[in-house]
Amino acid sequence: RTGPEPDSKVIGNVQGIALLSRIHASSTQYIDFGFNTGRFNGSSISVFSRGEPGLAVVGGRGEFMMATGVALFNPIIINATNVIMEFNITVVHY
């Protein structure tokens, strides 16, 4: 979506996995942001992190093939039924 509001425009989908370890208080995250409208339709951005506050852009598909950069996130809502996060992604691609 373009914003956290339920009626904001949908521009793609997100899939990923997060692994959390209480023993070492660490986490590993992989997230793929897929776009299905506009200029980047059919492209995706892949990010990866091992516990750091920023996630590394490690590639993508389509327009974002061989992309690099950083993704910073801001949790807006996290509860038992909803997770709404704002991502600011800076990408260098060819």
PDB file of N, CA and C in Angstrom:
ATOM      1  N   ARG A   1       0.833  -1.191   0.000  1.00  0.00           N
ATOM      2  CA  ARG A   1       0.000   0.000   0.000  1.00  0.00           C
ATOM      3  C   ARG A   1       0.877   1.254   0.000  1.00  0.00           C
ATOM      4  N   THR A   2       0.289   2.334  -0.405  1.00  0.00           N
ATOM      5  CA  THR A   2       1.016   3.603  -0.393  1.00  0.00           C
ATOM      6  C   THR A   2       0.983   4.281   0.964  1.00  0.00           C
ATOM      7  N   GLY A   3       0.189   3.777   1.899  1.00  0.00           N
ATOM      8  CA  GLY A   3       0.102   4.328   3.249  1.00  0.00           C
ATOM      9  C   GLY A   3      -0.481   3.311   4.203  1.00  0.00           C
ATOM     10  N   PRO A   4      -0.500   3.613   5.496  1.00  0.00           N
ATOM     11  CA  PRO A   4      -0.996   2.655   6.479  1.00  0.00           C
ATOM     12  C   PRO A   4      -2.523   2.549   6.558  1.00  0.00           C
ATOM     13  N   GLU A   5      -3.231   3.450   5.914  1.00  0.00           N
ATOM     14  CA  GLU A   5      -4.689   3.441   5.961  1.00  0.00           C
ATOM     15  C   GLU A   5      -5.243   2.257   5.171  1.00  0.00           C
ATOM     16  N   PRO A   6      -6.324   1.628   5.662  1.00  0.00           N
ATOM     17  CA  PRO A   6      -6.906   0.480   4.957  1.00  0.00           C
ATOM     18  C   PRO A   6      -7.398   0.792   3.543  1.00  0.00           C
ATOM     19  N   ASP A   7      -7.714   2.055   3.265  1.00  0.00           N
ATOM     20  CA  ASP A   7      -8.197   2.418   1.925  1.00  0.00           C
ATOM     21  C   ASP A   7      -7.093   2.982   1.027  1.00  0.00           C
ATOM     22  N   SER A   8      -5.814   2.911   1.450  1.00  0.00           N
ATOM     23  CA  SER A   8      -4.720   3.395   0.600  1.00  0.00           C
ATOM     24  C   SER A   8      -4.512   2.442  -0.581  1.00  0.00           C
ATOM     25  N   LYS A   9      -3.934   2.965  -1.641  1.00  0.00           N
ATOM     26  CA  LYS A   9      -3.766   2.222  -2.884  1.00  0.00           C
ATOM     27  C   LYS A   9      -2.804   1.039  -2.710  1.00  0.00           C
ATOM     28  N   VAL A  10      -3.228  -0.125  -3.183  1.00  0.00           N
ATOM     29  CA  VAL A  10      -2.382  -1.320  -3.159  1.00  0.00           C
ATOM     30  C   VAL A  10      -1.456  -1.277  -4.370  1.00  0.00           C
ATOM     31  N   ILE A  11      -0.132  -1.396  -4.131  1.00  0.00           N
ATOM     32  CA  ILE A  11       0.832  -1.364  -5.234  1.00  0.00           C
ATOM     33  C   ILE A  11       1.607  -2.668  -5.371  1.00  0.00           C
ATOM     34  N   GLY A  12       1.370  -3.622  -4.461  1.00  0.00           N
ATOM     35  CA  GLY A  12       2.091  -4.886  -4.546  1.00  0.00           C
ATOM     36  C   GLY A  12       1.808  -5.766  -3.355  1.00  0.00           C
ATOM     37  N   ASN A  13       2.704  -6.726  -3.136  1.00  0.00           N
ATOM     38  CA  ASN A  13       2.554  -7.626  -1.997  1.00  0.00           C
ATOM     39  C   ASN A  13       3.917  -7.907  -1.390  1.00  0.00           C
ATOM     40  N   VAL A  14       3.897  -8.443  -0.193  1.00  0.00           N
ATOM     41  CA  VAL A  14       5.124  -8.733   0.541  1.00  0.00           C
ATOM     42  C   VAL A  14       5.078 -10.169   1.023  1.00  0.00           C
ATOM     43  N   GLN A  15       6.207 -10.867   0.868  1.00  0.00           N
ATOM     44  CA  GLN A  15       6.359 -12.205   1.425  1.00  0.00           C
ATOM     45  C   GLN A  15       7.703 -12.249   2.116  1.00  0.00           C
ATOM     46  N   GLY A  16       7.779 -13.031   3.188  1.00  0.00           N
ATOM     47  CA  GLY A  16       9.053 -13.111   3.872  1.00  0.00           C
ATOM     48  C   GLY A  16       9.026 -14.080   5.025  1.00  0.00           C
ATOM     49  N   ILE A  17      10.139 -14.103   5.727  1.00  0.00           N
ATOM     50  CA  ILE A  17      10.282 -14.970   6.882  1.00  0.00           C
ATOM     51  C   ILE A  17      11.146 -14.249   7.902  1.00  0.00           C
ATOM     52  N   ALA A  18      10.804 -14.429   9.169  1.00  0.00           N
ATOM     53  CA  ALA A  18      11.590 -13.858  10.258  1.00  0.00           C
ATOM     54  C   ALA A  18      11.864 -14.957  11.276  1.00  0.00           C
ATOM     55  N   LEU A  19      13.107 -15.096  11.666  1.00  0.00           N
ATOM     56  CA  LEU A  19      13.504 -16.081  12.664  1.00  0.00           C
ATOM     57  C   LEU A  19      14.014 -15.337  13.886  1.00  0.00           C
ATOM     58  N   LEU A  20      13.458 -15.663  15.032  1.00  0.00           N
ATOM     59  CA  LEU A  20      13.840 -14.990  16.264  1.00  0.00           C
ATOM     60  C   LEU A  20      14.444 -16.001  17.227  1.00  0.00           C
ATOM     61  N   SER A  21      15.501 -15.601  17.923  1.00  0.00           N
ATOM     62  CA  SER A  21      16.154 -16.451  18.901  1.00  0.00           C
ATOM     63  C   SER A  21      16.201 -15.733  20.245  1.00  0.00           C
ATOM     64  N   ARG A  22      15.564 -16.297  21.251  1.00  0.00           N
ATOM     65  CA  ARG A  22      15.585 -15.682  22.575  1.00  0.00           C
ATOM     66  C   ARG A  22      16.918 -15.925  23.266  1.00  0.00           C
ATOM     67  N   ILE A  23      17.575 -17.014  22.934  1.00  0.00           N
ATOM     68  CA  ILE A  23      18.825 -17.354  23.602  1.00  0.00           C
ATOM     69  C   ILE A  23      19.871 -16.264  23.382  1.00  0.00           C
ATOM     70  N   HIS A  24      20.016 -15.824  22.146  1.00  0.00           N
ATOM     71  CA  HIS A  24      21.023 -14.817  21.810  1.00  0.00           C
ATOM     72  C   HIS A  24      20.406 -13.445  21.515  1.00  0.00           C
ATOM     73  N   ALA A  25      19.095 -13.337  21.707  1.00  0.00           N
ATOM     74  CA  ALA A  25      18.374 -12.082  21.428  1.00  0.00           C
ATOM     75  C   ALA A  25      18.707 -11.555  20.035  1.00  0.00           C
ATOM     76  N   SER A  26      18.635 -12.435  19.049  1.00  0.00           N
ATOM     77  CA  SER A  26      18.944 -12.023  17.677  1.00  0.00           C
ATOM     78  C   SER A  26      17.815 -12.440  16.746  1.00  0.00           C
ATOM     79  N   SER A  27      17.846 -11.886  15.557  1.00  0.00           N
ATOM     80  CA  SER A  27      16.837 -12.224  14.554  1.00  0.00           C
ATOM     81  C   SER A  27      17.458 -12.216  13.167  1.00  0.00           C
ATOM     82  N   THR A  28      16.838 -12.967  12.281  1.00  0.00           N
ATOM     83  CA  THR A  28      17.212 -12.977  10.875  1.00  0.00           C
ATOM     84  C   THR A  28      15.935 -12.779  10.070  1.00  0.00           C
ATOM     85  N   GLN A  29      15.958 -11.872   9.096  1.00  0.00           N
ATOM     86  CA  GLN A  29      14.771 -11.574   8.314  1.00  0.00           C
ATOM     87  C   GLN A  29      15.098 -11.573   6.827  1.00  0.00           C
ATOM     88  N   TYR A  30      14.190 -12.163   6.042  1.00  0.00           N
ATOM     89  CA  TYR A  30      14.247 -12.071   4.588  1.00  0.00           C
ATOM     90  C   TYR A  30      12.878 -11.620   4.124  1.00  0.00           C
ATOM     91  N   ILE A  31      12.817 -10.560   3.326  1.00  0.00           N
ATOM     92  CA  ILE A  31      11.544 -10.029   2.849  1.00  0.00           C
ATOM     93  C   ILE A  31      11.671  -9.714   1.363  1.00  0.00           C
ATOM     94  N   ASP A  32      10.625 -10.052   0.597  1.00  0.00           N
ATOM     95  CA  ASP A  32      10.576  -9.750  -0.830  1.00  0.00           C
ATOM     96  C   ASP A  32       9.354  -8.867  -1.087  1.00  0.00           C
ATOM     97  N   PHE A  33       9.602  -7.658  -1.610  1.00  0.00           N
ATOM     98  CA  PHE A  33       8.543  -6.709  -1.938  1.00  0.00           C
ATOM     99  C   PHE A  33       8.246  -6.822  -3.433  1.00  0.00           C
ATOM    100  N   GLY A  34       7.087  -7.344  -3.795  1.00  0.00           N
ATOM    101  CA  GLY A  34       6.713  -7.493  -5.200  1.00  0.00           C
ATOM    102  C   GLY A  34       5.740  -6.412  -5.626  1.00  0.00           C
ATOM    103  N   PHE A  35       5.992  -5.810  -6.778  1.00  0.00           N
ATOM    104  CA  PHE A  35       5.130  -4.747  -7.300  1.00  0.00           C
ATOM    105  C   PHE A  35       4.234  -5.314  -8.391  1.00  0.00           C
ATOM    106  N   ASN A  36       2.939  -4.936  -8.376  1.00  0.00           N
ATOM    107  CA  ASN A  36       2.032  -5.417  -9.413  1.00  0.00           C
ATOM    108  C   ASN A  36       1.233  -4.295 -10.072  1.00  0.00           C
ATOM    109  N   THR A  37       1.716  -3.050  -9.944  1.00  0.00           N
ATOM    110  CA  THR A  37       1.121  -1.918 -10.659  1.00  0.00           C
ATOM    111  C   THR A  37       2.217  -0.927 -11.022  1.00  0.00           C
ATOM    112  N   GLY A  38       1.897  -0.025 -11.915  1.00  0.00           N
ATOM    113  CA  GLY A  38       2.792   1.083 -12.235  1.00  0.00           C
ATOM    114  C   GLY A  38       4.068   0.700 -12.958  1.00  0.00           C
ATOM    115  N   ARG A  39       5.033   1.583 -12.880  1.00  0.00           N
ATOM    116  CA  ARG A  39       6.304   1.447 -13.603  1.00  0.00           C
ATOM    117  C   ARG A  39       7.049   0.156 -13.256  1.00  0.00           C
ATOM    118  N   PHE A  40       6.973  -0.286 -12.003  1.00  0.00           N
ATOM    119  CA  PHE A  40       7.736  -1.451 -11.558  1.00  0.00           C
ATOM    120  C   PHE A  40       6.901  -2.732 -11.529  1.00  0.00           C
ATOM    121  N   ASN A  41       5.789  -2.759 -12.249  1.00  0.00           N
ATOM    122  CA  ASN A  41       4.936  -3.944 -12.330  1.00  0.00           C
ATOM    123  C   ASN A  41       5.759  -5.170 -12.741  1.00  0.00           C
ATOM    124  N   GLY A  42       5.680  -6.243 -11.944  1.00  0.00           N
ATOM    125  CA  GLY A  42       6.422  -7.469 -12.234  1.00  0.00           C
ATOM    126  C   GLY A  42       7.812  -7.506 -11.636  1.00  0.00           C
ATOM    127  N   SER A  43       8.264  -6.429 -11.018  1.00  0.00           N
ATOM    128  CA  SER A  43       9.586  -6.371 -10.395  1.00  0.00           C
ATOM    129  C   SER A  43       9.460  -6.589  -8.888  1.00  0.00           C
ATOM    130  N   SER A  44      10.585  -6.915  -8.252  1.00  0.00           N
ATOM    131  CA  SER A  44      10.579  -7.043  -6.800  1.00  0.00           C
ATOM    132  C   SER A  44      11.918  -6.598  -6.230  1.00  0.00           C
ATOM    133  N   ILE A  45      11.906  -6.267  -4.935  1.00  0.00           N
ATOM    134  CA  ILE A  45      13.112  -5.909  -4.193  1.00  0.00           C
ATOM    135  C   ILE A  45      13.250  -6.906  -3.051  1.00  0.00           C
ATOM    136  N   SER A  46      14.436  -7.501  -2.909  1.00  0.00           N
ATOM    137  CA  SER A  46      14.694  -8.464  -1.840  1.00  0.00           C
ATOM    138  C   SER A  46      15.621  -7.846  -0.803  1.00  0.00           C
ATOM    139  N   VAL A  47      15.249  -7.990   0.481  1.00  0.00           N
ATOM    140  CA  VAL A  47      16.064  -7.462   1.575  1.00  0.00           C
ATOM    141  C   VAL A  47      16.377  -8.576   2.574  1.00  0.00           C
ATOM    142  N   PHE A  48      17.492  -8.412   3.291  1.00  0.00           N
ATOM    143  CA  PHE A  48      17.953  -9.409   4.251  1.00  0.00           C
ATOM    144  C   PHE A  48      18.591  -8.699   5.431  1.00  0.00           C
ATOM    145  N   SER A  49      18.432  -9.270   6.623  1.00  0.00           N
ATOM    146  CA  SER A  49      19.044  -8.673   7.805  1.00  0.00           C
ATOM    147  C   SER A  49      19.341  -9.739   8.843  1.00  0.00           C
ATOM    148  N   ARG A  50      20.391  -9.489   9.631  1.00  0.00           N
ATOM    149  CA  ARG A  50      20.709 -10.336  10.774  1.00  0.00           C
ATOM    150  C   ARG A  50      20.750  -9.487  12.032  1.00  0.00           C
ATOM    151  N   GLY A  51      19.596  -8.970  12.436  1.00  0.00           N
ATOM    152  CA  GLY A  51      19.483  -8.266  13.701  1.00  0.00           C
ATOM    153  C   GLY A  51      19.805  -6.790  13.683  1.00  0.00           C
ATOM    154  N   GLU A  52      20.302  -6.258  12.600  1.00  0.00           N
ATOM    155  CA  GLU A  52      20.615  -4.838  12.537  1.00  0.00           C
ATOM    156  C   GLU A  52      19.325  -4.045  12.345  1.00  0.00           C
ATOM    157  N   PRO A  53      19.331  -2.757  12.717  1.00  0.00           N
ATOM    158  CA  PRO A  53      18.122  -1.963  12.526  1.00  0.00           C
ATOM    159  C   PRO A  53      17.774  -1.716  11.064  1.00  0.00           C
ATOM    160  N   GLY A  54      18.750  -1.690  10.187  1.00  0.00           N
ATOM    161  CA  GLY A  54      18.494  -1.536   8.767  1.00  0.00           C
ATOM    162  C   GLY A  54      18.624  -2.873   8.067  1.00  0.00           C
ATOM    163  N   LEU A  55      17.876  -3.053   6.997  1.00  0.00           N
ATOM    164  CA  LEU A  55      17.943  -4.292   6.224  1.00  0.00           C
ATOM    165  C   LEU A  55      18.714  -4.008   4.941  1.00  0.00           C
ATOM    166  N   ALA A  56      19.565  -4.923   4.536  1.00  0.00           N
ATOM    167  CA  ALA A  56      20.348  -4.751   3.310  1.00  0.00           C
ATOM    168  C   ALA A  56      19.519  -5.173   2.108  1.00  0.00           C
ATOM    169  N   VAL A  57      19.504  -4.347   1.063  1.00  0.00           N
ATOM    170  CA  VAL A  57      18.894  -4.746  -0.206  1.00  0.00           C
ATOM    171  C   VAL A  57      19.895  -5.665  -0.890  1.00  0.00           C
ATOM    172  N   VAL A  58      19.488  -6.912  -1.159  1.00  0.00           N
ATOM    173  CA  VAL A  58      20.410  -7.915  -1.693  1.00  0.00           C
ATOM    174  C   VAL A  58      20.082  -8.319  -3.128  1.00  0.00           C
ATOM    175  N   GLY A  59      19.181  -7.611  -3.773  1.00  0.00           N
ATOM    176  CA  GLY A  59      18.855  -7.924  -5.160  1.00  0.00           C
ATOM    177  C   GLY A  59      17.381  -7.739  -5.433  1.00  0.00           C
ATOM    178  N   GLY A  60      16.942  -8.388  -6.483  1.00  0.00           N
ATOM    179  CA  GLY A  60      15.540  -8.309  -6.869  1.00  0.00           C
ATOM    180  C   GLY A  60      15.329  -8.924  -8.233  1.00  0.00           C
ATOM    181  N   ARG A  61      14.151  -8.687  -8.770  1.00  0.00           N
ATOM    182  CA  ARG A  61      13.800  -9.178 -10.104  1.00  0.00           C
ATOM    183  C   ARG A  61      13.364  -8.006 -10.975  1.00  0.00           C
ATOM    184  N   GLY A  62      13.374  -8.212 -12.279  1.00  0.00           N
ATOM    185  CA  GLY A  62      12.920  -7.178 -13.200  1.00  0.00           C
ATOM    186  C   GLY A  62      13.790  -5.944 -13.146  1.00  0.00           C
ATOM    187  N   GLU A  63      13.169  -4.786 -12.928  1.00  0.00           N
ATOM    188  CA  GLU A  63      13.898  -3.510 -12.873  1.00  0.00           C
ATOM    189  C   GLU A  63      14.934  -3.480 -11.759  1.00  0.00           C
ATOM    190  N   PHE A  64      14.768  -4.319 -10.735  1.00  0.00           N
ATOM    191  CA  PHE A  64      15.661  -4.286  -9.578  1.00  0.00           C
ATOM    192  C   PHE A  64      16.676  -5.420  -9.567  1.00  0.00           C
ATOM    193  N   MET A  65      16.909  -6.041 -10.713  1.00  0.00           N
ATOM    194  CA  MET A  65      17.927  -7.083 -10.795  1.00  0.00           C
ATOM    195  C   MET A  65      19.283  -6.491 -10.417  1.00  0.00           C
ATOM    196  N   MET A  66      20.020  -7.160  -9.540  1.00  0.00           N
ATOM    197  CA  MET A  66      21.332  -6.731  -9.049  1.00  0.00           C
ATOM    198  C   MET A  66      21.272  -5.435  -8.241  1.00  0.00           C
ATOM    199  N   ALA A  67      20.131  -5.145  -7.642  1.00  0.00           N
ATOM    200  CA  ALA A  67      19.990  -3.924  -6.835  1.00  0.00           C
ATOM    201  C   ALA A  67      20.764  -4.034  -5.529  1.00  0.00           C
ATOM    202  N   THR A  68      21.199  -2.899  -5.027  1.00  0.00           N
ATOM    203  CA  THR A  68      21.812  -2.800  -3.697  1.00  0.00           C
ATOM    204  C   THR A  68      21.196  -1.596  -2.995  1.00  0.00           C
ATOM    205  N   GLY A  69      21.354  -1.551  -1.690  1.00  0.00           N
ATOM    206  CA  GLY A  69      20.821  -0.418  -0.957  1.00  0.00           C
ATOM    207  C   GLY A  69      20.504  -0.788   0.469  1.00  0.00           C
ATOM    208  N   VAL A  70      19.618   0.004   1.075  1.00  0.00           N
ATOM    209  CA  VAL A  70      19.247  -0.208   2.470  1.00  0.00           C
ATOM    210  C   VAL A  70      17.753   0.054   2.639  1.00  0.00           C
ATOM    211  N   ALA A  71      17.135  -0.708   3.539  1.00  0.00           N
ATOM    212  CA  ALA A  71      15.725  -0.517   3.870  1.00  0.00           C
ATOM    213  C   ALA A  71      15.627  -0.244   5.366  1.00  0.00           C
ATOM    214  N   LEU A  72      15.038   0.876   5.721  1.00  0.00           N
ATOM    215  CA  LEU A  72      14.804   1.223   7.119  1.00  0.00           C
ATOM    216  C   LEU A  72      13.316   1.087   7.386  1.00  0.00           C
ATOM    217  N   PHE A  73      12.974   0.547   8.554  1.00  0.00           N
ATOM    218  CA  PHE A  73      11.562   0.340   8.828  1.00  0.00           C
ATOM    219  C   PHE A  73      11.124   1.034  10.106  1.00  0.00           C
ATOM    220  N   ASN A  74       9.833   1.370  10.137  1.00  0.00           N
ATOM    221  CA  ASN A  74       9.216   2.029  11.271  1.00  0.00           C
ATOM    222  C   ASN A  74       7.933   1.266  11.595  1.00  0.00           C
ATOM    223  N   PRO A  75       7.897   0.536  12.742  1.00  0.00           N
ATOM    224  CA  PRO A  75       6.667  -0.165  13.097  1.00  0.00           C
ATOM    225  C   PRO A  75       5.564   0.829  13.446  1.00  0.00           C
ATOM    226  N   ILE A  76       4.399   0.654  12.851  1.00  0.00           N
ATOM    227  CA  ILE A  76       3.259   1.522  13.133  1.00  0.00           C
ATOM    228  C   ILE A  76       2.290   0.810  14.078  1.00  0.00           C
ATOM    229  N   ILE A  77       1.923  -0.432  13.736  1.00  0.00           N
ATOM    230  CA  ILE A  77       1.048  -1.242  14.584  1.00  0.00           C
ATOM    231  C   ILE A  77       1.585  -2.669  14.607  1.00  0.00           C
ATOM    232  N   ILE A  78       1.781  -3.221  15.795  1.00  0.00           N
ATOM    233  CA  ILE A  78       2.108  -4.636  15.951  1.00  0.00           C
ATOM    234  C   ILE A  78       1.265  -5.153  17.112  1.00  0.00           C
ATOM    235  N   ASN A  79       0.326  -6.059  16.811  1.00  0.00           N
ATOM    236  CA  ASN A  79      -0.460  -6.685  17.861  1.00  0.00           C
ATOM    237  C   ASN A  79      -0.731  -8.135  17.468  1.00  0.00           C
ATOM    238  N   ALA A  80      -1.628  -8.799  18.148  1.00  0.00           N
ATOM    239  CA  ALA A  80      -1.875 -10.225  17.915  1.00  0.00           C
ATOM    240  C   ALA A  80      -2.430 -10.523  16.527  1.00  0.00           C
ATOM    241  N   THR A  81      -3.101  -9.572  15.897  1.00  0.00           N
ATOM    242  CA  THR A  81      -3.745  -9.835  14.599  1.00  0.00           C
ATOM    243  C   THR A  81      -3.234  -8.981  13.448  1.00  0.00           C
ATOM    244  N   ASN A  82      -2.509  -7.911  13.723  1.00  0.00           N
ATOM    245  CA  ASN A  82      -2.069  -6.999  12.662  1.00  0.00           C
ATOM    246  C   ASN A  82      -0.619  -6.588  12.828  1.00  0.00           C
ATOM    247  N   VAL A  83       0.050  -6.451  11.695  1.00  0.00           N
ATOM    248  CA  VAL A  83       1.381  -5.854  11.644  1.00  0.00           C
ATOM    249  C   VAL A  83       1.368  -4.840  10.515  1.00  0.00           C
ATOM    250  N   ILE A  84       1.569  -3.587  10.852  1.00  0.00           N
ATOM    251  CA  ILE A  84       1.675  -2.532   9.844  1.00  0.00           C
ATOM    252  C   ILE A  84       3.024  -1.870  10.040  1.00  0.00           C
ATOM    253  N   MET A  85       3.871  -1.965   8.994  1.00  0.00           N
ATOM    254  CA  MET A  85       5.216  -1.400   9.039  1.00  0.00           C
ATOM    255  C   MET A  85       5.379  -0.424   7.874  1.00  0.00           C
ATOM    256  N   GLU A  86       6.077   0.649   8.122  1.00  0.00           N
ATOM    257  CA  GLU A  86       6.452   1.583   7.063  1.00  0.00           C
ATOM    258  C   GLU A  86       7.903   1.289   6.703  1.00  0.00           C
ATOM    259  N   PHE A  87       8.184   1.079   5.411  1.00  0.00           N
ATOM    260  CA  PHE A  87       9.541   0.835   4.932  1.00  0.00           C
ATOM    261  C   PHE A  87       9.977   1.992   4.055  1.00  0.00           C
ATOM    262  N   ASN A  88      11.168   2.519   4.311  1.00  0.00           N
ATOM    263  CA  ASN A  88      11.805   3.518   3.451  1.00  0.00           C
ATOM    264  C   ASN A  88      13.004   2.829   2.839  1.00  0.00           C
ATOM    265  N   ILE A  89      12.939   2.587   1.534  1.00  0.00           N
ATOM    266  CA  ILE A  89      13.978   1.808   0.850  1.00  0.00           C
ATOM    267  C   ILE A  89      14.715   2.709  -0.132  1.00  0.00           C
ATOM    268  N   THR A  90      16.044   2.744   0.021  1.00  0.00           N
ATOM    269  CA  THR A  90      16.919   3.447  -0.918  1.00  0.00           C
ATOM    270  C   THR A  90      17.624   2.393  -1.746  1.00  0.00           C
ATOM    271  N   VAL A  91      17.452   2.457  -3.072  1.00  0.00           N
ATOM    272  CA  VAL A  91      17.938   1.405  -3.964  1.00  0.00           C
ATOM    273  C   VAL A  91      18.781   1.996  -5.083  1.00  0.00           C
ATOM    274  N   VAL A  92      19.909   1.332  -5.379  1.00  0.00           N
ATOM    275  CA  VAL A  92      20.698   1.633  -6.570  1.00  0.00           C
ATOM    276  C   VAL A  92      20.522   0.427  -7.492  1.00  0.00           C
ATOM    277  N   HIS A  93      20.034   0.690  -8.705  1.00  0.00           N
ATOM    278  CA  HIS A  93      19.835  -0.405  -9.668  1.00  0.00           C
ATOM    279  C   HIS A  93      20.210   0.071 -11.053  1.00  0.00           C
ATOM    280  N   TYR A  94      20.372  -0.880 -11.936  1.00  0.00           N
ATOM    281  CA  TYR A  94      20.850  -0.580 -13.292  1.00  0.00           C
ATOM    282  C   TYR A  94      19.750  -0.624 -14.298  1.00  0.00           C
TER     283      TYR A  94
END
